Amino acid sequence: MGSDEFYPEERPVRTRTVDGFFMDEHPVTAAEFRRFVRETRYVTVAERELDPDDYPDADPELLLPGSLVFRKTAGRVDLRDVRNWWAYVPGAFWKRPGGPGTTINGRDRHPVVHVAYEDARAYAGWAGKSLPTEAEWEYAARGGLDGARFAWGDAEVVDGYPMANSWQGEFPWQNLCLDGYEGTSPVGSFPPNGYGLYDVCGNVWEWTCDTFVAESPVRPCCVPPAAERFERKVIKGGSHLCAPNYCLRYRPAARQGESVDTSTGHIGFRCILRPA
């Protein structure tokens, strides 16, 4: 696990052992999550009323249900301040990914987004599955290529074509869309890894069940900073917002911590099944 080449939170390279398990071929899609909601009447974290006690520094009148939505900027901005491209949008949730007036119609095969950790865990339980540990996720994502930078090898581009849905250009204002997508892509749009898994690099970050721990302070890149009062879980795999000029994290070894109360337009999940 891990890498010594890139970011401090990935170090050191270490050996972990996991038992055998089955993993979903791709992230949970909007259609799959819709079925879960219809059958259980589940209400996601982004749709629930907010408790002012959880956010003592916020104006109570602004504590409306919603989620974080990415906004591409008009030009270069200070990359140290994620508020330049993240906006909390009241009314944004898995079915309205851009906020009121938007829809997932026609996007059944796209990964579901705006799911908080609790939402992912609830779906996994309904499906009779679990969320993976970080070690399980990384083992599966590598597809048998131990030590490789990406799930397909060490070269970022193969035969001149991107191998994952990421950001080509200068983040957060110039996306050249060389991979054919701006935003999420339908699952399975890129080749699978050696274990037959799709989208383990790019497209959406994915929740794991492990608590995030780092040896040194970590400045999040394409995820908003977490509030200290909430637990953080490890997310893996990077997303369509990962860009070499800012966040080269669409790699199996990459990891970030995400607050369990948070949902965004670039975080999803997939499940595993451990044999009894």
Protein backbone atom coordinates (compact mmCIF):
# COMPACT_ATOMS: atom_id res chain seq x y z
CA MET A 1 0.00 0.00 0.00
CA GLY A 2 0.94 3.62 -0.41
CA SER A 3 3.53 5.52 -2.38
CA ASP A 4 6.70 7.45 -1.61
CA GLU A 5 6.51 9.43 -4.88
CA PHE A 6 3.70 11.90 -4.30
CA TYR A 7 1.90 13.22 -1.20
CA PRO A 8 2.90 12.87 2.47
CA GLU A 9 -0.32 11.19 3.55
CA GLU A 10 0.44 8.25 1.20
CA ARG A 11 3.71 7.43 2.95
CA PRO A 12 5.28 5.11 3.85
CA VAL A 13 4.91 2.21 1.44
CA ARG A 14 3.81 -0.69 3.64
CA THR A 15 2.49 -4.22 3.37
CA ARG A 16 -1.04 -5.16 4.36
CA THR A 17 -2.86 -8.48 4.09
CA VAL A 18 -6.56 -8.82 3.31
CA ASP A 19 -8.83 -11.83 3.01
CA GLY A 20 -10.61 -12.58 -0.24
CA PHE A 21 -13.71 -10.56 -1.13
CA PHE A 22 -15.94 -9.62 -4.02
CA MET A 23 -16.19 -5.98 -5.17
CA ASP A 24 -18.73 -4.15 -7.30
CA GLU A 25 -17.43 -3.72 -10.86
CA HIS A 26 -18.22 0.00 -10.80
CA PRO A 27 -19.37 2.74 -8.43
CA VAL A 28 -23.02 2.64 -7.41
CA THR A 29 -25.03 4.39 -10.10
CA ALA A 30 -27.83 6.93 -9.86
CA ALA A 31 -30.29 4.27 -11.06
CA GLU A 32 -29.16 1.80 -8.42
CA PHE A 33 -29.41 4.40 -5.67
CA ARG A 34 -32.87 5.45 -6.91
CA ARG A 35 -34.09 1.88 -6.47
CA PHE A 36 -32.74 1.86 -2.90
CA VAL A 37 -34.53 5.12 -2.09
CA ARG A 38 -37.81 3.96 -3.62
CA GLU A 39 -37.80 0.69 -1.70
CA THR A 40 -36.73 2.12 1.66
CA ARG A 41 -37.88 5.76 1.48
CA TYR A 42 -34.42 6.67 2.70
CA VAL A 43 -33.63 10.37 3.12
CA THR A 44 -30.01 11.33 2.51
CA VAL A 45 -27.97 13.56 4.78
CA ALA A 46 -28.09 16.39 2.21
CA GLU A 47 -31.91 16.41 2.42
CA ARG A 48 -32.18 16.60 6.21
CA GLU A 49 -32.60 19.64 8.39
CA LEU A 50 -29.35 20.84 9.94
CA ASP A 51 -28.80 21.04 13.68
CA PRO A 52 -27.47 24.52 14.63
CA ASP A 53 -25.54 22.93 17.51
CA ASP A 54 -23.39 21.11 14.96
CA TYR A 55 -22.46 24.40 13.27
CA PRO A 56 -22.09 26.96 16.07
CA ASP A 57 -20.32 29.53 13.88
CA ALA A 58 -22.97 29.58 11.14
CA ASP A 59 -25.96 31.88 10.74
CA PRO A 60 -28.94 29.66 11.70
CA GLU A 61 -31.01 31.22 8.89
CA LEU A 62 -28.49 29.88 6.38
CA LEU A 63 -28.53 26.31 7.71
CA LEU A 64 -30.63 24.84 4.94
CA PRO A 65 -30.44 21.29 3.60
CA GLY A 66 -28.06 21.08 0.67
CA SER A 67 -24.69 19.94 -0.57
CA LEU A 68 -21.43 21.18 -2.06
CA VAL A 69 -21.39 21.86 -5.80
CA PHE A 70 -18.35 22.53 -7.96
CA ARG A 71 -18.34 25.79 -9.94
CA LYS A 72 -15.73 26.18 -12.67
CA THR A 73 -14.08 29.58 -12.37
CA ALA A 74 -13.78 32.19 -15.12
CA GLY A 75 -10.00 32.31 -14.86
CA ARG A 76 -7.02 31.57 -12.62
CA VAL A 77 -7.68 31.81 -8.90
CA ASP A 78 -5.83 31.25 -5.65
CA LEU A 79 -5.54 27.47 -5.38
CA ARG A 80 -5.11 27.70 -1.62
CA ASP A 81 -8.77 28.64 -1.13
CA VAL A 82 -11.27 25.94 -2.15
CA ARG A 83 -14.11 28.44 -1.71
CA ASN A 84 -13.13 29.74 -5.13
CA TRP A 85 -14.73 26.69 -6.73
CA TRP A 86 -16.90 25.01 -4.07
CA ALA A 87 -20.31 26.45 -3.20
CA TYR A 88 -22.80 25.16 -0.66
CA VAL A 89 -26.05 25.00 -2.61
CA PRO A 90 -29.33 24.65 -0.68
CA GLY A 91 -31.51 22.05 -2.36
CA ALA A 92 -28.62 20.12 -3.94
CA PHE A 93 -28.78 16.37 -3.30
CA TRP A 94 -28.35 13.13 -5.20
CA LYS A 95 -31.41 13.70 -7.41
CA ARG A 96 -30.65 17.41 -7.98
CA PRO A 97 -26.85 17.34 -8.32
CA GLY A 98 -26.54 20.98 -9.36
CA GLY A 99 -29.25 22.26 -7.06
CA PRO A 100 -32.91 23.15 -7.72
CA GLY A 101 -33.81 22.91 -11.39
CA THR A 102 -31.23 20.22 -12.18
CA THR A 103 -31.91 16.52 -12.62
CA ILE A 104 -30.32 13.10 -13.00
CA ASN A 105 -32.66 12.23 -15.85
CA GLY A 106 -30.56 10.67 -18.59
CA ARG A 107 -27.75 9.99 -16.15
CA ASP A 108 -28.81 6.59 -14.85
CA ARG A 109 -25.39 5.10 -15.58
CA HIS A 110 -23.46 7.92 -13.92
CA PRO A 111 -22.18 7.38 -10.37
CA VAL A 112 -24.52 8.65 -7.70
CA VAL A 113 -23.03 11.70 -5.97
CA HIS A 114 -23.94 13.93 -3.04
CA VAL A 115 -23.89 10.89 -0.77
CA ALA A 116 -22.43 11.28 2.70
CA TYR A 117 -20.76 8.42 4.52
CA GLU A 118 -23.96 7.49 6.35
CA ASP A 119 -25.81 7.29 3.03
CA ALA A 120 -23.22 4.98 1.51
CA ARG A 121 -23.28 2.73 4.56
CA ALA A 122 -27.09 2.59 4.51
CA TYR A 123 -27.12 1.53 0.86
CA ALA A 124 -24.49 -1.12 1.49
CA GLY A 125 -26.53 -2.58 4.35
CA TRP A 126 -29.68 -2.66 2.22
CA ALA A 127 -27.78 -4.45 -0.55
CA GLY A 128 -26.39 -7.04 1.88
CA LYS A 129 -22.88 -5.75 1.35
CA SER A 130 -20.30 -3.54 3.12
CA LEU A 131 -18.09 -0.58 2.43
CA PRO A 132 -14.47 -1.63 1.85
CA THR A 133 -11.59 -0.89 4.15
CA GLU A 134 -8.87 1.28 2.66
CA ALA A 135 -6.61 -1.77 2.26
CA GLU A 136 -9.32 -3.76 0.50
CA TRP A 137 -10.11 -0.87 -1.80
CA GLU A 138 -6.49 -0.22 -2.74
CA TYR A 139 -5.71 -3.91 -3.26
CA ALA A 140 -8.65 -4.23 -5.65
CA ALA A 141 -7.93 -0.94 -7.42
CA ARG A 142 -4.36 -1.92 -8.23
CA GLY A 143 -5.64 -4.87 -10.26
CA GLY A 144 -2.52 -6.89 -9.60
CA LEU A 145 -0.08 -4.12 -10.56
CA ASP A 146 1.69 -3.70 -7.22
CA GLY A 147 3.73 -0.51 -7.13
CA ALA A 148 2.35 0.96 -10.36
CA ARG A 149 1.31 4.61 -10.30
CA PHE A 150 -2.06 4.04 -11.91
CA ALA A 151 -4.46 1.13 -12.20
CA TRP A 152 -3.21 0.51 -15.75
CA GLY A 153 0.52 1.12 -15.30
CA ASP A 154 2.95 4.00 -14.84
CA ALA A 155 2.14 6.14 -17.88
CA GLU A 156 -0.58 8.71 -17.27
CA VAL A 157 -1.68 8.62 -20.93
CA VAL A 158 -1.67 5.51 -23.15
CA ASP A 159 -1.36 5.93 -26.93
CA GLY A 160 -2.26 9.58 -26.54
CA TYR A 161 -5.59 8.95 -24.82
CA PRO A 162 -6.54 9.48 -21.16
CA MET A 163 -7.30 6.23 -19.31
CA ALA A 164 -9.61 7.77 -16.72
CA ASN A 165 -12.05 10.63 -16.26
CA SER A 166 -9.93 13.42 -14.83
CA TRP A 167 -9.29 17.10 -15.47
CA GLN A 168 -7.12 17.91 -18.50
CA GLY A 169 -6.01 21.51 -18.50
CA GLU A 170 -5.50 24.07 -15.78
CA PHE A 171 -7.73 23.55 -12.75
CA PRO A 172 -10.23 25.04 -11.90
CA TRP A 173 -10.97 27.16 -14.95
CA GLN A 174 -9.71 25.36 -18.08
CA ASN A 175 -10.92 21.84 -18.76
CA LEU A 176 -9.86 20.66 -22.21
CA CYS A 177 -12.07 17.53 -21.90
CA LEU A 178 -9.59 15.38 -23.79
CA ASP A 179 -11.25 12.36 -22.17
CA GLY A 180 -14.60 13.39 -23.64
CA TYR A 181 -16.27 14.39 -20.37
CA GLU A 182 -16.78 17.44 -18.22
CA GLY A 183 -18.15 16.25 -14.91
CA THR A 184 -18.91 12.63 -14.16
CA SER A 185 -18.97 9.98 -16.89
CA PRO A 186 -21.13 6.86 -17.25
CA VAL A 187 -19.56 3.97 -15.37
CA GLY A 188 -17.51 1.71 -17.60
CA SER A 189 -16.55 4.45 -20.05
CA PHE A 190 -12.86 3.61 -19.65
CA PRO A 191 -11.04 0.26 -19.71
CA PRO A 192 -11.18 -1.90 -16.55
CA ASN A 193 -8.16 -2.76 -14.44
CA GLY A 194 -6.63 -6.21 -14.21
CA TYR A 195 -9.40 -7.41 -11.89
CA GLY A 196 -12.19 -6.20 -14.17
CA LEU A 197 -13.04 -3.12 -12.06
CA TYR A 198 -14.07 0.14 -13.72
CA ASP A 199 -13.47 3.72 -12.60
CA VAL A 200 -11.08 2.96 -9.75
CA CYS A 201 -9.13 6.01 -10.95
CA GLY A 202 -10.99 9.26 -11.54
CA ASN A 203 -14.69 9.91 -12.10
CA VAL A 204 -15.68 10.04 -8.38
CA TRP A 205 -13.91 9.65 -5.09
CA GLU A 206 -15.15 6.61 -3.14
CA TRP A 207 -15.90 6.20 0.55
CA THR A 208 -14.15 3.54 2.62
CA CYS A 209 -15.00 2.55 6.19
CA ASP A 210 -11.60 3.48 7.65
CA THR A 211 -11.01 6.55 9.78
CA PHE A 212 -8.53 8.95 8.17
CA VAL A 213 -5.16 9.15 9.93
CA ALA A 214 -2.10 10.94 8.60
CA GLU A 215 1.42 11.19 10.01
CA SER A 216 1.56 14.92 9.25
CA PRO A 217 -1.00 17.69 8.67
CA VAL A 218 -2.68 17.36 5.29
CA ARG A 219 -4.10 20.21 3.25
CA PRO A 220 -7.03 18.84 1.24
CA CYS A 221 -6.90 19.61 -2.45
CA CYS A 222 -10.13 19.04 -4.35
CA VAL A 223 -12.22 18.30 -1.24
CA PRO A 224 -13.41 20.99 1.18
CA PRO A 225 -11.61 21.17 4.54
CA ALA A 226 -13.25 19.06 7.23
CA ALA A 227 -14.69 20.46 10.44
CA GLU A 228 -12.69 19.17 13.38
CA ARG A 229 -15.79 18.13 15.34
CA PHE A 230 -16.75 15.49 12.76
CA GLU A 231 -14.96 12.22 12.13
CA ARG A 232 -13.19 11.89 8.81
CA LYS A 233 -13.21 8.75 6.70
CA VAL A 234 -10.73 7.79 3.99
CA ILE A 235 -11.85 8.39 0.42
CA LYS A 236 -9.97 6.83 -2.46
CA GLY A 237 -9.52 6.99 -6.20
CA GLY A 238 -9.65 10.65 -7.12
CA SER A 239 -12.30 12.21 -9.34
CA HIS A 240 -13.03 14.10 -12.52
CA LEU A 241 -11.69 17.20 -10.75
CA CYS A 242 -8.17 15.81 -10.30
CA ALA A 243 -5.67 17.76 -12.40
CA PRO A 244 -1.88 17.40 -12.58
CA ASN A 245 -1.42 21.13 -11.86
CA TYR A 246 -3.31 20.78 -8.58
CA CYS A 247 -4.33 17.28 -7.48
CA LEU A 248 -2.67 14.24 -9.02
CA ARG A 249 -4.71 11.88 -6.87
CA TYR A 250 -6.53 9.67 -9.35
CA ARG A 251 -4.21 6.82 -8.36
CA PRO A 252 -4.76 3.72 -6.19
CA ALA A 253 -2.31 4.90 -3.51
CA ALA A 254 -3.86 8.35 -3.17
CA ARG A 255 -6.04 9.07 -0.17
CA GLN A 256 -7.83 11.96 1.48
CA GLY A 257 -9.94 12.47 4.57
CA GLU A 258 -13.57 13.51 4.16
CA SER A 259 -15.86 14.64 6.96
CA VAL A 260 -18.74 12.22 7.53
CA ASP A 261 -21.27 15.07 7.54
CA THR A 262 -20.25 16.21 4.06
CA SER A 263 -21.55 15.36 0.63
CA THR A 264 -20.25 16.76 -2.64
CA GLY A 265 -20.76 16.47 -6.37
CA HIS A 266 -17.63 14.36 -6.82
CA ILE A 267 -17.85 11.69 -4.12
CA GLY A 268 -19.60 8.34 -4.56
CA PHE A 269 -18.91 4.79 -3.42
CA ARG A 270 -18.91 1.11 -4.30
CA CYS A 271 -19.54 -1.93 -2.15
CA ILE A 272 -17.87 -5.23 -1.37
CA LEU A 273 -19.09 -8.65 -0.28
CA ARG A 274 -17.02 -10.65 2.15
CA PRO A 275 -17.60 -14.41 2.02
CA ALA A 276 -19.22 -15.76 5.16
